[in-house]
Amino acid sequence: MKSITQISSFLSLVFLLGCHSNKINPNDKPNIIIIYTDDLGYGDVSAYQKGILNTPNIDKLANEGIKFTNGYSSSATCSPSRYALLTGTYPWRKAGLRVITGGGLSIDTLKMTIPKMLKLSGYHTGIVGKWHLGLGKGSDKYGKGMDYNSLIYPGPNQLGFDYSHIMPDTQDRVPTVYIENGMLVNSDPNDPLEVHFKNNFEGEPTGKDNPELLTMRWEHGHNASIVNGIPRIGYMRGGKRARWSDIDMADHFLNKAQKFIKLNKSKPFFLYYALQQPHVPRTPHPRFEGKSGMGPRGDVIVEADWCIGEFYKTLESEGLLENTLIIFSSDNGPVLNDGYYDDAVEKLGDHTPSGGLRGGKYSLFEAGTRVPFIAYWKGKIKSNISDEIISQVDLFNSISSIVGSSLKSKDGIDLSNLIIDNKGRGRDELILEASTRTAYRNGDWVMIPPYHGKEIAKNVNIELGNSKEFKLYNLKKDPSQKNDLSKSNPKKLKEMISNFIIIRGKNFSNIKDLVLE
């Protein structure tokens, strides 16, 4: 018997097919590729000329395409930004959405997504790499993980992806395995995988209790199950044949991405290629160790750049570049020490991952969400730099327009002319988010409401943007947000608050409602 979710998804698809009147001509459809990095900062790409790392392959996309200087992820943390990317909906509209650890699927299977929209336009769709949007029903209230040894449902394939090869959450969390089309890769019925997010399994070593087994030391948070000498968040046992090799992960995902485009080159395809770098634990392949001179964080960025170069070569050898739109970006801003001792701080030198912006990952300041944002299409997009405001939440509507679909998302704006031809204006206003807290940008101005909480997250040494008072900045005159103008320009502050409340809705109609615990 089919589940209610399956039946509802089928009826939703039938309805949308009936409403979708665009004639599909596969020969006119460009391939769409989104390359998504993890914790890569505004200054980590050398084309932005803010740091000293060298990223020649990403630079090629930037210098021969459009480099956006005001490109934003929708959130300063991972799961919310990925939610917004795929749905075109602000993540704060989904109550309580934060970084997911073992949770259930965060996107309703009835909700329209980029891969669903593209399937309706005749595309074959795939995701390779990091998922981190939850799977199935997730863990129970006691922390016991779901059954990873049978079909995991729902997941990416129920959100429009014909093919999925993913890590369930992220590299520093259990389970440290790959899932392909809802099934555990290299499963062994004689050694089933078990997962728990609160309690350890009897006899299993942990980073906290067995430091002698570690090849990477934990600094905060990451002190549970040990896999490949690296302590993780959460507990697991069994599934030994299915466990990934950390140092081979970049090559593994690259090979899967290359295989996908080779198998689907005869028809229009969409690939969401979600790299794990430079998220912790930073585990460069030995080929890249020491290449950056900045320790593992710099080395995995060099590794990611190489992967993008090899991926580009595959597109070139398969004759696909002239009919492929590539969007490159990052899920949020940078962080150095994010749970492990890996010399990210000590070996940073003169490099500036934030590109001179204030804050970083987890922060409402600019470095939390302003990220590298590049559009490339050989022979179609001309080399340009755009200072217009664009958000990843706009990709749904922009891609929809590019492929001739009439479907539109709730919060996105169609900026296809800006992406393809560097014509027209970008966004006038944008809501920024960090761990459910929100701020507001309008033109050159940014307003951060008051929030209770620590001003600096000591573990990661990042300013979060919390304050007892409103903050107001003019980014054109003060891109580093050093000068708070809330007291000297009360008229502008009042205007910004009013506009912000209109978007956020009635729950933010009172100043007291803006002060959150």
Protein backbone atom coordinates (compact mmCIF):
# COMPACT_ATOMS: atom_id res chain seq x y z
CA MET A 1 0.00 0.00 0.00
CA LYS A 2 1.30 3.41 -0.91
CA SER A 3 1.84 5.87 1.94
CA ILE A 4 -0.21 9.04 2.26
CA THR A 5 2.96 11.04 1.49
CA GLN A 6 3.53 9.09 -1.77
CA ILE A 7 -0.08 9.57 -2.88
CA SER A 8 -0.03 13.29 -2.01
CA SER A 9 3.26 13.78 -3.85
CA PHE A 10 1.82 12.04 -6.94
CA LEU A 11 -1.34 14.18 -6.93
CA SER A 12 0.77 17.31 -6.47
CA LEU A 13 2.89 16.35 -9.48
CA VAL A 14 -0.19 15.66 -11.63
CA PHE A 15 -1.65 19.04 -10.67
CA LEU A 16 1.55 20.88 -11.48
CA LEU A 17 1.93 19.08 -14.81
CA GLY A 18 -1.58 20.14 -15.70
CA CYS A 19 -0.85 23.75 -14.81
CA HIS A 20 2.51 23.86 -16.55
CA SER A 21 1.83 25.09 -20.07
CA ASN A 22 5.37 25.74 -21.32
CA LYS A 23 6.34 23.54 -24.26
CA ILE A 24 9.50 21.63 -23.47
CA ASN A 25 12.15 21.57 -26.15
CA PRO A 26 15.17 19.78 -24.69
CA ASN A 27 17.49 21.26 -27.31
CA ASP A 28 16.81 24.76 -26.00
CA LYS A 29 17.41 23.99 -22.34
CA PRO A 30 20.82 24.80 -20.82
CA ASN A 31 22.27 22.39 -18.32
CA ILE A 32 22.19 23.89 -14.84
CA ILE A 33 24.93 23.23 -12.26
CA ILE A 34 25.11 24.68 -8.75
CA ILE A 35 28.51 24.23 -7.12
CA TYR A 36 28.07 24.83 -3.40
CA THR A 37 30.99 25.03 -0.99
CA ASP A 38 30.78 24.76 2.79
CA ASP A 39 31.97 27.62 5.07
CA LEU A 40 33.92 29.33 2.29
CA GLY A 41 34.40 33.01 3.06
CA TYR A 42 34.14 36.13 0.92
CA GLY A 43 37.91 36.52 1.08
CA ASP A 44 38.78 32.86 0.42
CA VAL A 45 38.45 33.17 -3.38
CA SER A 46 41.43 34.99 -4.86
CA ALA A 47 39.35 36.56 -7.63
CA TYR A 48 37.80 38.79 -4.96
CA GLN A 49 41.28 40.12 -4.14
CA LYS A 50 40.65 40.15 -0.39
CA GLY A 51 42.89 37.30 0.79
CA ILE A 52 46.12 35.63 -0.21
CA LEU A 53 44.97 32.06 -0.97
CA ASN A 54 45.25 31.11 -4.64
CA THR A 55 42.13 29.57 -6.23
CA PRO A 56 42.84 29.61 -10.00
CA ASN A 57 39.99 27.34 -11.07
CA ILE A 58 37.29 29.22 -9.18
CA ASP A 59 38.92 32.41 -10.45
CA LYS A 60 38.42 31.22 -14.02
CA LEU A 61 34.68 31.04 -13.44
CA ALA A 62 34.72 34.45 -11.74
CA ASN A 63 36.93 36.24 -14.24
CA GLU A 64 35.21 34.83 -17.32
CA GLY A 65 31.71 35.10 -15.87
CA ILE A 66 29.92 37.51 -13.55
CA LYS A 67 31.43 38.05 -10.13
CA PHE A 68 28.85 39.38 -7.67
CA THR A 69 30.27 41.53 -4.90
CA ASN A 70 26.95 41.67 -3.04
CA GLY A 71 25.95 38.02 -3.28
CA TYR A 72 24.32 36.47 -0.22
CA SER A 73 23.43 33.12 1.22
CA SER A 74 20.14 33.36 3.06
CA SER A 75 21.60 32.23 6.37
CA ALA A 76 24.85 32.26 8.33
CA THR A 77 24.49 28.53 9.02
CA CYS A 78 24.26 25.46 6.88
CA SER A 79 20.88 23.74 6.93
CA PRO A 80 18.81 26.96 6.70
CA SER A 81 20.82 28.27 3.75
CA ARG A 82 20.41 24.97 1.87
CA TYR A 83 16.69 25.01 2.58
CA ALA A 84 16.40 28.48 1.05
CA LEU A 85 18.59 27.60 -1.92
CA LEU A 86 16.41 24.67 -2.99
CA THR A 87 12.99 26.17 -2.16
CA GLY A 88 13.37 29.89 -2.84
CA THR A 89 11.86 30.51 0.59
CA TYR A 90 13.42 32.36 3.52
CA PRO A 91 14.49 29.80 6.13
CA TRP A 92 13.02 31.78 9.03
CA ARG A 93 9.56 31.04 7.63
CA LYS A 94 10.04 27.45 8.78
CA ALA A 95 9.76 27.61 12.56
CA GLY A 96 12.80 26.43 14.46
CA LEU A 97 14.95 25.53 11.46
CA ARG A 98 18.57 25.39 12.62
CA VAL A 99 21.64 23.31 11.91
CA ILE A 100 20.35 19.74 11.72
CA THR A 101 21.86 16.81 13.64
CA GLY A 102 20.08 13.58 12.84
CA GLY A 103 16.77 15.28 12.21
CA GLY A 104 13.99 14.33 9.84
CA LEU A 105 13.58 15.75 6.35
CA SER A 106 13.19 19.53 6.77
CA ILE A 107 11.52 20.24 3.41
CA ASP A 108 7.94 19.06 3.01
CA THR A 109 7.68 16.62 0.12
CA LEU A 110 4.73 18.64 -1.25
CA LYS A 111 6.83 21.82 -1.43
CA MET A 112 8.14 22.94 -4.81
CA THR A 113 11.92 22.84 -5.19
CA ILE A 114 14.44 23.66 -7.90
CA PRO A 115 14.87 19.99 -8.90
CA LYS A 116 11.08 19.45 -8.99
CA MET A 117 10.62 22.54 -11.13
CA LEU A 118 13.37 21.43 -13.51
CA LYS A 119 11.98 17.89 -13.77
CA LEU A 120 8.74 19.44 -14.99
CA SER A 121 10.81 21.23 -17.62
CA GLY A 122 12.34 18.01 -18.91
CA TYR A 123 15.54 17.85 -16.85
CA HIS A 124 17.29 14.86 -15.30
CA THR A 125 18.25 15.97 -11.82
CA GLY A 126 20.97 14.93 -9.39
CA ILE A 127 22.68 15.81 -6.13
CA VAL A 128 26.20 14.76 -5.21
CA GLY A 129 27.83 15.71 -1.91
CA LYS A 130 26.67 17.17 1.35
CA TRP A 131 22.92 17.10 2.11
CA HIS A 132 22.32 18.29 5.71
CA LEU A 133 18.59 18.84 5.30
CA GLY A 134 17.48 15.85 7.32
CA LEU A 135 16.36 12.39 6.23
CA GLY A 136 13.28 10.29 6.87
CA LYS A 137 11.65 10.83 10.23
CA GLY A 138 15.00 11.44 11.91
CA SER A 139 15.91 10.30 15.40
CA ASP A 140 13.27 9.66 18.04
CA LYS A 141 12.73 11.79 21.15
CA TYR A 142 15.29 9.75 23.03
CA GLY A 143 18.00 10.37 20.44
CA LYS A 144 17.94 6.96 18.79
CA GLY A 145 18.69 7.30 15.09
CA MET A 146 16.42 5.91 12.42
CA ASP A 147 17.09 2.65 10.61
CA TYR A 148 19.85 3.38 8.10
CA ASN A 149 19.95 -0.26 6.90
CA SER A 150 16.72 -0.18 4.90
CA LEU A 151 15.22 2.32 2.46
CA ILE A 152 15.48 5.83 3.93
CA TYR A 153 12.30 7.69 3.10
CA PRO A 154 11.66 10.51 2.46
CA GLY A 155 14.87 12.15 1.26
CA PRO A 156 16.35 13.99 -1.72
CA ASN A 157 14.64 11.68 -4.23
CA GLN A 158 11.24 12.72 -2.87
CA LEU A 159 12.15 16.39 -3.38
CA GLY A 160 12.78 16.11 -7.11
CA PHE A 161 16.21 14.52 -7.44
CA ASP A 162 16.31 11.58 -9.84
CA TYR A 163 19.72 10.64 -8.48
CA SER A 164 21.26 11.31 -5.08
CA HIS A 165 24.62 10.34 -3.63
CA ILE A 166 25.07 12.15 -0.35
CA MET A 167 26.48 12.29 3.13
CA PRO A 168 23.44 12.43 5.46
CA ASP A 169 24.38 15.47 7.53
CA THR A 170 27.91 16.82 7.52
CA GLN A 171 31.44 15.49 7.91
CA ASP A 172 31.78 16.08 11.65
CA ARG A 173 28.58 14.13 12.52
CA VAL A 174 27.50 10.52 12.52
CA PRO A 175 26.68 8.49 10.57
CA THR A 176 29.90 8.68 8.57
CA VAL A 177 28.50 6.87 5.54
CA TYR A 178 27.20 7.59 2.06
CA ILE A 179 23.55 7.24 1.06
CA GLU A 180 22.66 6.63 -2.60
CA ASN A 181 19.05 6.93 -3.69
CA GLY A 182 17.89 6.28 -0.15
CA MET A 183 20.06 3.24 0.47
CA LEU A 184 23.18 2.83 2.57
CA VAL A 185 26.21 2.35 0.31
CA ASN A 186 28.18 -0.86 1.04
CA SER A 187 25.75 -2.05 3.69
CA ASP A 188 26.39 -5.36 5.42
CA PRO A 189 23.42 -7.28 6.91
CA ASN A 190 25.84 -9.04 9.24
CA ASP A 191 27.08 -5.71 10.61
CA PRO A 192 24.12 -3.31 10.71
CA LEU A 193 24.71 0.38 11.32
CA GLU A 194 23.30 1.78 14.57
CA VAL A 195 23.17 5.49 15.42
CA HIS A 196 22.32 7.44 18.56
CA PHE A 197 22.63 11.19 19.10
CA LYS A 198 22.53 11.23 22.91
CA ASN A 199 23.90 8.00 24.33
CA ASN A 200 26.93 5.91 23.47
CA PHE A 201 26.81 2.20 22.70
CA GLU A 202 28.40 -0.05 25.29
CA GLY A 203 32.07 -0.64 24.68
CA GLU A 204 32.43 1.88 21.86
CA PRO A 205 35.38 4.31 22.25
CA THR A 206 34.85 8.07 22.21
CA GLY A 207 37.01 11.10 21.71
CA LYS A 208 36.37 12.15 25.29
CA ASP A 209 37.36 8.87 26.92
CA ASN A 210 39.95 7.55 24.48
CA PRO A 211 42.24 10.38 23.37
CA GLU A 212 44.99 7.84 22.63
CA LEU A 213 42.99 6.68 19.58
CA LEU A 214 42.77 10.12 17.97
CA THR A 215 44.65 11.43 14.96
CA MET A 216 42.80 14.76 15.26
CA ARG A 217 42.18 16.44 18.62
CA TRP A 218 38.79 17.93 19.44
CA GLU A 219 38.58 21.41 20.95
CA HIS A 220 34.86 21.70 21.66
CA GLY A 221 31.76 19.67 20.96
CA HIS A 222 33.29 16.93 18.84
CA ASN A 223 34.11 14.26 21.40
CA ALA A 224 31.81 11.30 20.70
CA SER A 225 32.30 8.33 18.33
CA ILE A 226 35.70 7.98 16.66
CA VAL A 227 35.87 7.18 12.95
CA ASN A 228 39.20 7.17 11.10
CA GLY A 229 40.85 8.61 14.20
CA ILE A 230 38.50 11.63 14.18
CA PRO A 231 35.97 12.21 17.00
CA ARG A 232 32.48 13.19 15.81
CA ILE A 233 29.19 14.58 17.05
CA GLY A 234 26.91 11.66 17.97
CA TYR A 235 27.42 7.94 18.43
CA MET A 236 27.49 4.98 16.05
CA ARG A 237 28.52 1.37 15.89
CA GLY A 238 28.54 -1.26 13.17
CA GLY A 239 28.40 -0.50 9.46
CA LYS A 240 32.17 -0.78 9.20
CA ARG A 241 32.15 -1.66 5.52
CA ALA A 242 30.00 1.38 4.76
CA ARG A 243 32.16 3.97 6.52
CA TRP A 244 33.73 6.63 4.35
CA SER A 245 37.39 7.54 4.07
CA ASP A 246 37.71 11.20 5.02
CA ILE A 247 40.86 11.89 3.00
CA ASP A 248 39.24 10.38 -0.12
CA MET A 249 35.93 12.22 0.21
CA ALA A 250 36.74 15.04 -2.23
CA ASP A 251 37.82 12.56 -4.90
CA HIS A 252 34.77 10.41 -4.18
CA PHE A 253 32.26 13.20 -4.71
CA LEU A 254 34.16 14.52 -7.74
CA ASN A 255 34.02 11.10 -9.40
CA LYS A 256 30.29 10.81 -8.74
CA ALA A 257 29.68 14.29 -10.17
CA GLN A 258 31.74 13.54 -13.28
CA LYS A 259 29.91 10.25 -13.80
CA PHE A 260 26.54 11.95 -13.50
CA ILE A 261 27.21 14.45 -16.27
CA LYS A 262 28.72 11.80 -18.55
CA LEU A 263 25.66 9.59 -18.15
CA ASN A 264 23.21 12.45 -18.70
CA LYS A 265 24.95 14.60 -21.31
CA SER A 266 22.45 13.70 -24.06
CA LYS A 267 19.59 15.48 -22.31
CA PRO A 268 19.30 18.63 -20.19
CA PHE A 269 20.44 17.98 -16.64
CA PHE A 270 20.60 19.74 -13.29
CA LEU A 271 23.37 18.88 -10.85
CA TYR A 272 23.66 20.20 -7.32
CA TYR A 273 27.33 19.52 -6.53
CA ALA A 274 27.73 20.22 -2.82
CA LEU A 275 31.36 20.08 -1.73
CA GLN A 276 32.23 19.44 1.92
CA GLN A 277 35.22 21.82 2.04
CA PRO A 278 36.32 23.77 4.05
CA HIS A 279 33.99 22.53 6.82
CA VAL A 280 35.54 20.67 9.75
CA PRO A 281 37.04 18.17 10.12
CA ARG A 282 39.44 19.39 7.46
CA THR A 283 40.98 16.28 5.95
CA PRO A 284 42.87 17.06 2.75
CA HIS A 285 44.11 14.16 0.68
CA PRO A 286 47.89 13.73 1.15
CA ARG A 287 48.33 15.21 -2.35
CA PHE A 288 47.25 18.58 -0.94
CA GLU A 289 48.80 18.53 2.52
CA GLY A 290 50.99 21.61 3.01
CA LYS A 291 50.06 23.12 -0.36
CA SER A 292 48.54 26.29 1.06
CA GLY A 293 50.99 26.98 3.88
CA MET A 294 47.95 27.70 6.06
CA GLY A 295 47.35 24.28 7.54
CA PRO A 296 44.41 21.96 6.77
CA ARG A 297 41.86 24.73 6.24
CA GLY A 298 43.89 26.32 3.48
CA ASP A 299 44.81 22.92 2.06
CA VAL A 300 41.18 21.77 1.69
CA ILE A 301 40.32 25.02 -0.10
CA VAL A 302 43.17 24.30 -2.53
CA GLU A 303 41.77 20.77 -2.85
CA ALA A 304 38.25 22.08 -3.53
CA ASP A 305 39.60 24.43 -6.16
CA TRP A 306 41.37 21.50 -7.83
CA CYS A 307 38.12 19.49 -7.80
CA ILE A 308 36.33 22.34 -9.54
CA GLY A 309 39.11 22.48 -12.12
CA GLU A 310 38.85 18.74 -12.80
CA PHE A 311 35.07 19.01 -13.00
CA TYR A 312 35.42 21.87 -15.48
CA LYS A 313 37.76 19.75 -17.62
CA THR A 314 35.14 17.02 -17.75
CA LEU A 315 32.48 19.47 -18.92
CA GLU A 316 34.94 20.70 -21.54
CA SER A 317 35.92 17.23 -22.79
CA GLU A 318 32.25 16.23 -23.04
CA GLY A 319 31.47 19.34 -25.10
CA LEU A 320 29.04 20.74 -22.54
CA LEU A 321 30.46 24.13 -21.55
CA GLU A 322 28.67 26.14 -24.24
CA ASN A 323 25.30 24.90 -23.03
CA THR A 324 25.82 24.87 -19.27
CA LEU A 325 25.08 27.55 -16.70
CA ILE A 326 27.26 27.21 -13.60
CA ILE A 327 26.41 28.99 -10.35
CA PHE A 328 29.16 28.92 -7.72
CA SER A 329 28.65 30.00 -4.11
CA SER A 330 28.96 29.06 -0.42
CA ASP A 331 26.38 28.16 2.20
CA ASN A 332 27.61 30.74 4.71
CA GLY A 333 30.65 32.70 5.79
CA PRO A 334 33.94 31.46 7.22
CA VAL A 335 34.96 30.06 10.58
CA LEU A 336 38.45 29.10 11.72
CA ASN A 337 38.36 27.05 14.93
CA ASP A 338 35.07 25.19 14.67
CA GLY A 339 35.65 22.28 17.01
CA TYR A 340 39.05 20.77 16.25
CA TYR A 341 42.66 21.77 16.77
CA ASP A 342 43.94 22.08 13.19
CA ASP A 343 46.11 25.24 13.22
CA ALA A 344 43.51 27.24 11.27
CA VAL A 345 44.11 30.23 13.53
CA GLU A 346 47.83 29.77 14.11
CA LYS A 347 48.73 29.38 10.42
CA LEU A 348 46.35 31.96 8.98
CA GLY A 349 49.07 34.55 8.44
CA ASP A 350 47.94 37.53 6.39
CA HIS A 351 44.99 35.74 4.84
CA THR A 352 41.54 37.22 5.54
CA PRO A 353 38.75 34.63 5.03
CA SER A 354 36.07 37.24 5.73
CA GLY A 355 37.51 39.63 3.16
CA GLY A 356 37.55 42.47 5.68
CA LEU A 357 33.87 42.06 6.50
CA ARG A 358 32.74 41.88 10.12
CA GLY A 359 31.69 38.61 11.75
CA GLY A 360 31.66 35.18 10.14
CA LYS A 361 29.69 31.97 10.30
CA TYR A 362 26.84 32.17 12.88
CA SER A 363 26.85 35.99 12.68
CA LEU A 364 24.32 38.64 11.63
CA PHE A 365 27.21 40.85 10.56
CA GLU A 366 28.07 40.84 6.85
CA ALA A 367 30.67 38.06 6.85
CA GLY A 368 28.00 35.62 8.02
CA THR A 369 26.04 35.72 4.77
CA ARG A 370 27.92 37.74 2.14
CA VAL A 371 29.76 35.04 0.23
CA PRO A 372 31.46 34.36 -3.11
CA PHE A 373 28.73 34.31 -5.77
CA ILE A 374 29.62 33.63 -9.40
CA ALA A 375 27.67 32.92 -12.62
CA TYR A 376 29.47 31.33 -15.58
CA TRP A 377 28.26 30.23 -19.01
CA LYS A 378 30.92 29.96 -21.71
CA GLY A 379 30.08 32.08 -24.73
CA LYS A 380 26.84 33.31 -23.19
CA ILE A 381 27.78 35.26 -20.05
CA LYS A 382 30.34 37.98 -20.64
CA SER A 383 33.06 38.84 -18.14
CA ASN A 384 31.61 41.32 -15.68
CA ILE A 385 31.54 42.47 -12.08
CA SER A 386 28.18 43.24 -10.50
CA ASP A 387 27.65 45.25 -7.32
CA GLU A 388 23.91 44.54 -7.36
CA ILE A 389 22.38 42.68 -4.42
CA ILE A 390 21.51 39.05 -5.16
CA SER A 391 20.59 36.20 -2.84
CA GLN A 392 20.61 32.45 -3.21
CA VAL A 393 16.89 32.61 -2.44
CA ASP A 394 16.57 34.20 -5.91
CA LEU A 395 18.00 31.22 -7.77
CA PHE A 396 14.67 29.37 -7.92
CA ASN A 397 12.86 32.16 -9.77
CA SER A 398 15.86 33.07 -11.90
CA ILE A 399 16.49 29.50 -13.06
CA SER A 400 12.75 29.04 -13.62
CA SER A 401 12.79 32.01 -15.99
CA ILE A 402 15.93 30.83 -17.78
CA VAL A 403 14.40 27.42 -18.60
CA GLY A 404 10.99 28.86 -19.50
CA SER A 405 9.03 27.65 -16.49
CA SER A 406 6.16 29.65 -15.03
CA LEU A 407 6.68 28.34 -11.49
CA LYS A 408 7.82 30.88 -8.90
CA SER A 409 8.83 30.69 -5.25
CA LYS A 410 7.51 32.76 -2.34
CA ASP A 411 10.51 34.95 -1.56
CA GLY A 412 12.70 34.84 -4.65
CA ILE A 413 13.07 37.49 -7.32
CA ASP A 414 13.64 36.76 -11.00
CA LEU A 415 17.14 38.11 -11.56
CA SER A 416 17.83 36.06 -14.70
CA ASN A 417 18.71 39.17 -16.75
CA LEU A 418 21.25 40.16 -14.12
CA ILE A 419 22.74 36.65 -14.03
CA ILE A 420 22.92 36.15 -17.79
CA ASP A 421 23.43 39.66 -19.18
CA ASN A 422 24.40 41.77 -16.15
CA LYS A 423 21.37 43.94 -16.93
CA GLY A 424 18.79 45.44 -14.65
CA ARG A 425 18.77 45.99 -10.92
CA GLY A 426 19.29 43.46 -8.21
CA ARG A 427 17.37 43.29 -4.96
CA ASP A 428 16.35 46.44 -3.12
CA GLU A 429 15.96 44.62 0.20
CA LEU A 430 16.86 41.35 1.83
CA ILE A 431 16.30 39.56 5.13
CA LEU A 432 19.49 38.02 6.58
CA GLU A 433 19.36 35.17 9.08
CA ALA A 434 21.61 33.51 11.65
CA SER A 435 20.33 30.78 13.98
CA THR A 436 16.73 32.07 13.64
CA ARG A 437 17.77 35.68 14.37
CA THR A 438 17.18 38.06 11.48
CA ALA A 439 18.49 41.38 10.21
CA TYR A 440 17.54 43.60 7.29
CA ARG A 441 19.38 45.10 4.34
CA ASN A 442 17.88 47.79 2.13
CA GLY A 443 20.12 49.41 -0.47
CA ASP A 444 23.37 50.37 1.21
CA TRP A 445 21.87 50.15 4.69
CA VAL A 446 21.78 47.27 7.17
CA MET A 447 19.79 47.21 10.40
CA ILE A 448 20.38 44.59 13.11
CA PRO A 449 17.65 44.39 15.77
CA PRO A 450 18.50 43.87 19.45
CA TYR A 451 18.93 40.29 20.62
CA HIS A 452 19.84 38.88 24.00
CA GLY A 453 22.81 36.54 24.12
CA LYS A 454 26.57 36.60 23.96
CA GLU A 455 28.08 39.24 21.72
CA ILE A 456 30.98 36.94 20.87
CA ALA A 457 30.81 33.17 20.50
CA LYS A 458 33.95 32.34 22.45
CA ASN A 459 34.43 28.85 21.04
CA VAL A 460 34.77 30.19 17.50
CA ASN A 461 35.76 33.79 18.37
CA ILE A 462 33.14 35.37 16.11
CA GLU A 463 30.96 38.41 16.79
CA LEU A 464 27.37 37.22 16.55
CA GLY A 465 25.66 40.59 16.15
CA ASN A 466 23.80 40.38 19.45
CA SER A 467 23.23 43.66 21.26
CA LYS A 468 20.77 45.29 23.64
CA GLU A 469 20.16 48.05 21.10
CA PHE A 470 19.45 48.44 17.40
CA LYS A 471 22.47 48.71 15.11
CA LEU A 472 22.51 50.64 11.84
CA TYR A 473 25.28 50.67 9.23
CA ASN A 474 25.90 52.20 5.82
CA LEU A 475 27.78 49.53 3.89
CA LYS A 476 28.83 51.79 1.05
CA LYS A 477 30.72 54.11 3.37
CA ASP A 478 31.49 51.52 6.04
CA PRO A 479 31.71 47.97 4.59
CA SER A 480 33.41 46.68 7.76
CA GLN A 481 30.50 47.90 9.91
CA LYS A 482 32.64 49.84 12.36
CA ASN A 483 30.36 52.86 12.77
CA ASP A 484 26.91 52.35 14.26
CA LEU A 485 24.61 55.13 12.99
CA SER A 486 21.47 54.21 14.92
CA LYS A 487 21.80 57.19 17.28
CA SER A 488 22.91 59.75 14.72
CA ASN A 489 20.31 58.82 12.09
CA PRO A 490 17.09 57.91 13.96
CA LYS A 491 14.94 58.73 10.92
CA LYS A 492 16.68 56.10 8.81
CA LEU A 493 16.55 53.61 11.65
CA LYS A 494 12.79 54.08 12.02
CA GLU A 495 12.33 53.58 8.27
CA MET A 496 14.40 50.38 8.31
CA ILE A 497 12.48 48.97 11.29
CA SER A 498 9.17 49.72 9.61
CA ASN A 499 10.20 47.98 6.37
CA PHE A 500 11.57 45.04 8.31
CA ILE A 501 8.32 44.57 10.24
CA ILE A 502 6.31 44.55 7.01
CA ILE A 503 8.30 41.56 5.72
CA ARG A 504 8.56 39.69 9.02
CA GLY A 505 4.85 40.04 9.73
CA LYS A 506 2.65 40.71 12.74
CA ASN A 507 4.89 38.82 15.19
CA PHE A 508 7.38 41.65 14.77
CA SER A 509 4.91 44.54 15.02
CA ASN A 510 6.16 45.52 18.45
CA ILE A 511 9.68 46.54 19.43
CA LYS A 512 9.50 44.19 22.40
CA ASP A 513 8.97 41.29 20.00
CA LEU A 514 12.33 42.06 18.41
CA VAL A 515 14.20 41.36 21.64
CA LEU A 516 14.46 37.59 21.64
CA GLU A 517 15.96 35.18 24.09
